Amino acid sequence: MKNAIVQLCLVIIGVSSIHAVRLLQTSSFHLRMYPANGADRVWAIQGKDSIEMMNVNGEYILRSINPGHWQVVVEGNQPYHDDRFDISDVKPGTDMDLGEVRLRK
């Protein structure tokens, strides 16, 4: 019985370690929208994958993403125009602040 408990503990430690290493390799970024209600939706795109960014009072946040090249697409509400911009290199384990996006009329 003791041997089974020790093996179970070792498996739990191993699985926890794998997940901890994976979290260290993921990144995140956020941006602020001006005006805060000027965009309907904001998307982050990497290759063929797209993720809708979560809006919290005009601040858009995306967590646990893969490092690399990303593109952000803003779908503006009327009278604002849609916008698109590139994020050239998201490094592993970083939280990037992309600053403020001012929408054009």
C-alpha atoms as a PDB file:
ATOM      1  CA  MET A   1       0.000   0.000   0.000  1.00  0.00           C
ATOM      2  CA  LYS A   2       2.832   2.390   0.841  1.00  0.00           C
ATOM      3  CA  ASN A   3       4.421   1.699  -2.546  1.00  0.00           C
ATOM      4  CA  ALA A   4       1.157   2.617  -4.332  1.00  0.00           C
ATOM      5  CA  ILE A   5       0.874   5.904  -2.407  1.00  0.00           C
ATOM      6  CA  VAL A   6       4.488   6.791  -3.216  1.00  0.00           C
ATOM      7  CA  GLN A   7       3.918   6.032  -6.911  1.00  0.00           C
ATOM      8  CA  LEU A   8       0.723   8.116  -6.935  1.00  0.00           C
ATOM      9  CA  CYS A   9       2.586  11.061  -5.377  1.00  0.00           C
ATOM     10  CA  LEU A  10       5.369  10.763  -7.968  1.00  0.00           C
ATOM     11  CA  VAL A  11       2.836  10.749 -10.813  1.00  0.00           C
ATOM     12  CA  ILE A  12       1.110  13.855  -9.393  1.00  0.00           C
ATOM     13  CA  ILE A  13       4.457  15.652  -9.064  1.00  0.00           C
ATOM     14  CA  GLY A  14       5.372  14.695 -12.644  1.00  0.00           C
ATOM     15  CA  VAL A  15       2.092  15.903 -14.121  1.00  0.00           C
ATOM     16  CA  SER A  16       2.269  19.147 -12.118  1.00  0.00           C
ATOM     17  CA  SER A  17       5.817  19.756 -13.350  1.00  0.00           C
ATOM     18  CA  ILE A  18       4.819  19.288 -16.974  1.00  0.00           C
ATOM     19  CA  HIS A  19       1.975  21.785 -16.619  1.00  0.00           C
ATOM     20  CA  ALA A  20       4.223  24.298 -14.834  1.00  0.00           C
ATOM     21  CA  VAL A  21       6.791  24.168 -17.645  1.00  0.00           C
ATOM     22  CA  ARG A  22       4.036  24.637 -20.233  1.00  0.00           C
ATOM     23  CA  LEU A  23       2.717  27.727 -18.409  1.00  0.00           C
ATOM     24  CA  LEU A  24       6.215  29.236 -18.441  1.00  0.00           C
ATOM     25  CA  GLN A  25       6.330  28.848 -22.224  1.00  0.00           C
ATOM     26  CA  THR A  26       3.019  30.606 -22.926  1.00  0.00           C
ATOM     27  CA  SER A  27       2.599  34.347 -23.295  1.00  0.00           C
ATOM     28  CA  SER A  28      -0.138  36.949 -23.079  1.00  0.00           C
ATOM     29  CA  PHE A  29      -0.860  40.445 -24.324  1.00  0.00           C
ATOM     30  CA  HIS A  30      -3.379  43.182 -23.722  1.00  0.00           C
ATOM     31  CA  LEU A  31      -4.370  46.497 -25.271  1.00  0.00           C
ATOM     32  CA  ARG A  32      -6.639  49.424 -24.450  1.00  0.00           C
ATOM     33  CA  MET A  33      -9.251  50.695 -26.898  1.00  0.00           C
ATOM     34  CA  TYR A  34     -10.121  54.372 -27.330  1.00  0.00           C
ATOM     35  CA  PRO A  35     -13.013  54.998 -27.223  1.00  0.00           C
ATOM     36  CA  ALA A  36     -13.760  52.049 -24.934  1.00  0.00           C
ATOM     37  CA  ASN A  37     -17.023  51.199 -26.719  1.00  0.00           C
ATOM     38  CA  GLY A  38     -15.660  51.861 -30.226  1.00  0.00           C
ATOM     39  CA  ALA A  39     -15.070  48.225 -31.120  1.00  0.00           C
ATOM     40  CA  ASP A  40     -17.561  45.433 -31.407  1.00  0.00           C
ATOM     41  CA  ARG A  41     -15.049  42.589 -31.399  1.00  0.00           C
ATOM     42  CA  VAL A  42     -11.277  42.178 -31.372  1.00  0.00           C
ATOM     43  CA  TRP A  43      -9.562  39.097 -32.776  1.00  0.00           C
ATOM     44  CA  ALA A  44      -6.024  37.758 -32.419  1.00  0.00           C
ATOM     45  CA  ILE A  45      -4.852  35.625 -35.339  1.00  0.00           C
ATOM     46  CA  GLN A  46      -1.817  33.363 -35.608  1.00  0.00           C
ATOM     47  CA  GLY A  47      -1.572  31.376 -38.824  1.00  0.00           C
ATOM     48  CA  LYS A  48      -4.922  29.617 -39.264  1.00  0.00           C
ATOM     49  CA  ASP A  49      -5.931  30.007 -35.612  1.00  0.00           C
ATOM     50  CA  SER A  50      -8.060  32.920 -34.415  1.00  0.00           C
ATOM     51  CA  ILE A  51      -9.125  33.817 -30.884  1.00  0.00           C
ATOM     52  CA  GLU A  52     -11.609  36.488 -29.855  1.00  0.00           C
ATOM     53  CA  MET A  53     -10.086  38.698 -27.185  1.00  0.00           C
ATOM     54  CA  MET A  54     -11.963  39.262 -23.927  1.00  0.00           C
ATOM     55  CA  ASN A  55     -13.189  42.836 -23.286  1.00  0.00           C
ATOM     56  CA  VAL A  56     -13.024  44.283 -19.776  1.00  0.00           C
ATOM     57  CA  ASN A  57     -14.098  47.970 -19.817  1.00  0.00           C
ATOM     58  CA  GLY A  58     -12.284  48.777 -23.044  1.00  0.00           C
ATOM     59  CA  GLU A  59      -9.205  46.692 -22.223  1.00  0.00           C
ATOM     60  CA  TYR A  60      -8.793  43.580 -24.338  1.00  0.00           C
ATOM     61  CA  ILE A  61      -6.858  40.682 -22.840  1.00  0.00           C
ATOM     62  CA  LEU A  62      -5.555  37.440 -24.294  1.00  0.00           C
ATOM     63  CA  ARG A  63      -3.820  34.956 -22.000  1.00  0.00           C
ATOM     64  CA  SER A  64      -2.003  31.654 -22.469  1.00  0.00           C
ATOM     65  CA  ILE A  65      -1.072  32.067 -26.116  1.00  0.00           C
ATOM     66  CA  ASN A  66       1.732  30.535 -28.128  1.00  0.00           C
ATOM     67  CA  PRO A  67       4.778  32.724 -28.753  1.00  0.00           C
ATOM     68  CA  GLY A  68       5.429  33.988 -32.257  1.00  0.00           C
ATOM     69  CA  HIS A  69       3.884  36.345 -34.827  1.00  0.00           C
ATOM     70  CA  TRP A  70       0.302  37.526 -34.174  1.00  0.00           C
ATOM     71  CA  GLN A  71      -2.107  39.819 -35.981  1.00  0.00           C
ATOM     72  CA  VAL A  72      -4.827  41.787 -34.164  1.00  0.00           C
ATOM     73  CA  VAL A  73      -8.046  42.652 -36.033  1.00  0.00           C
ATOM     74  CA  VAL A  74     -10.435  45.257 -34.603  1.00  0.00           C
ATOM     75  CA  GLU A  75     -14.048  45.295 -35.815  1.00  0.00           C
ATOM     76  CA  GLY A  76     -15.120  48.884 -35.155  1.00  0.00           C
ATOM     77  CA  ASN A  77     -18.647  50.061 -34.374  1.00  0.00           C
ATOM     78  CA  GLN A  78     -20.128  52.835 -36.526  1.00  0.00           C
ATOM     79  CA  PRO A  79     -18.777  55.508 -37.102  1.00  0.00           C
ATOM     80  CA  TYR A  80     -15.354  53.896 -36.457  1.00  0.00           C
ATOM     81  CA  HIS A  81     -13.400  51.922 -39.066  1.00  0.00           C
ATOM     82  CA  ASP A  82     -12.001  48.428 -38.730  1.00  0.00           C
ATOM     83  CA  ASP A  83      -8.287  48.223 -38.032  1.00  0.00           C
ATOM     84  CA  ARG A  84      -5.579  45.577 -38.341  1.00  0.00           C
ATOM     85  CA  PHE A  85      -2.015  45.514 -37.038  1.00  0.00           C
ATOM     86  CA  ASP A  86       0.837  43.052 -36.540  1.00  0.00           C
ATOM     87  CA  ILE A  87       2.635  42.024 -33.395  1.00  0.00           C
ATOM     88  CA  SER A  88       5.984  40.949 -34.758  1.00  0.00           C
ATOM     89  CA  ASP A  89       7.428  38.722 -32.048  1.00  0.00           C
ATOM     90  CA  VAL A  90       5.720  37.581 -28.859  1.00  0.00           C
ATOM     91  CA  LYS A  91       8.428  35.988 -26.730  1.00  0.00           C
ATOM     92  CA  PRO A  92       7.773  32.939 -24.500  1.00  0.00           C
ATOM     93  CA  GLY A  93       6.706  33.720 -20.947  1.00  0.00           C
ATOM     94  CA  THR A  94       6.041  37.449 -21.516  1.00  0.00           C
ATOM     95  CA  ASP A  95       3.045  39.680 -20.860  1.00  0.00           C
ATOM     96  CA  MET A  96       3.093  42.364 -23.545  1.00  0.00           C
ATOM     97  CA  ASP A  97       1.313  45.686 -23.163  1.00  0.00           C
ATOM     98  CA  LEU A  98       0.387  46.818 -26.674  1.00  0.00           C
ATOM     99  CA  GLY A  99      -0.695  50.245 -25.451  1.00  0.00           C
ATOM    100  CA  GLU A 100      -3.732  52.162 -26.632  1.00  0.00           C
ATOM    101  CA  VAL A 101      -5.475  51.676 -29.977  1.00  0.00           C
ATOM    102  CA  ARG A 102      -7.217  54.836 -31.206  1.00  0.00           C
ATOM    103  CA  LEU A 103      -9.958  54.055 -33.669  1.00  0.00           C
ATOM    104  CA  ARG A 104     -10.390  56.282 -36.763  1.00  0.00           C
ATOM    105  CA  LYS A 105     -13.748  57.724 -37.787  1.00  0.00           C
END
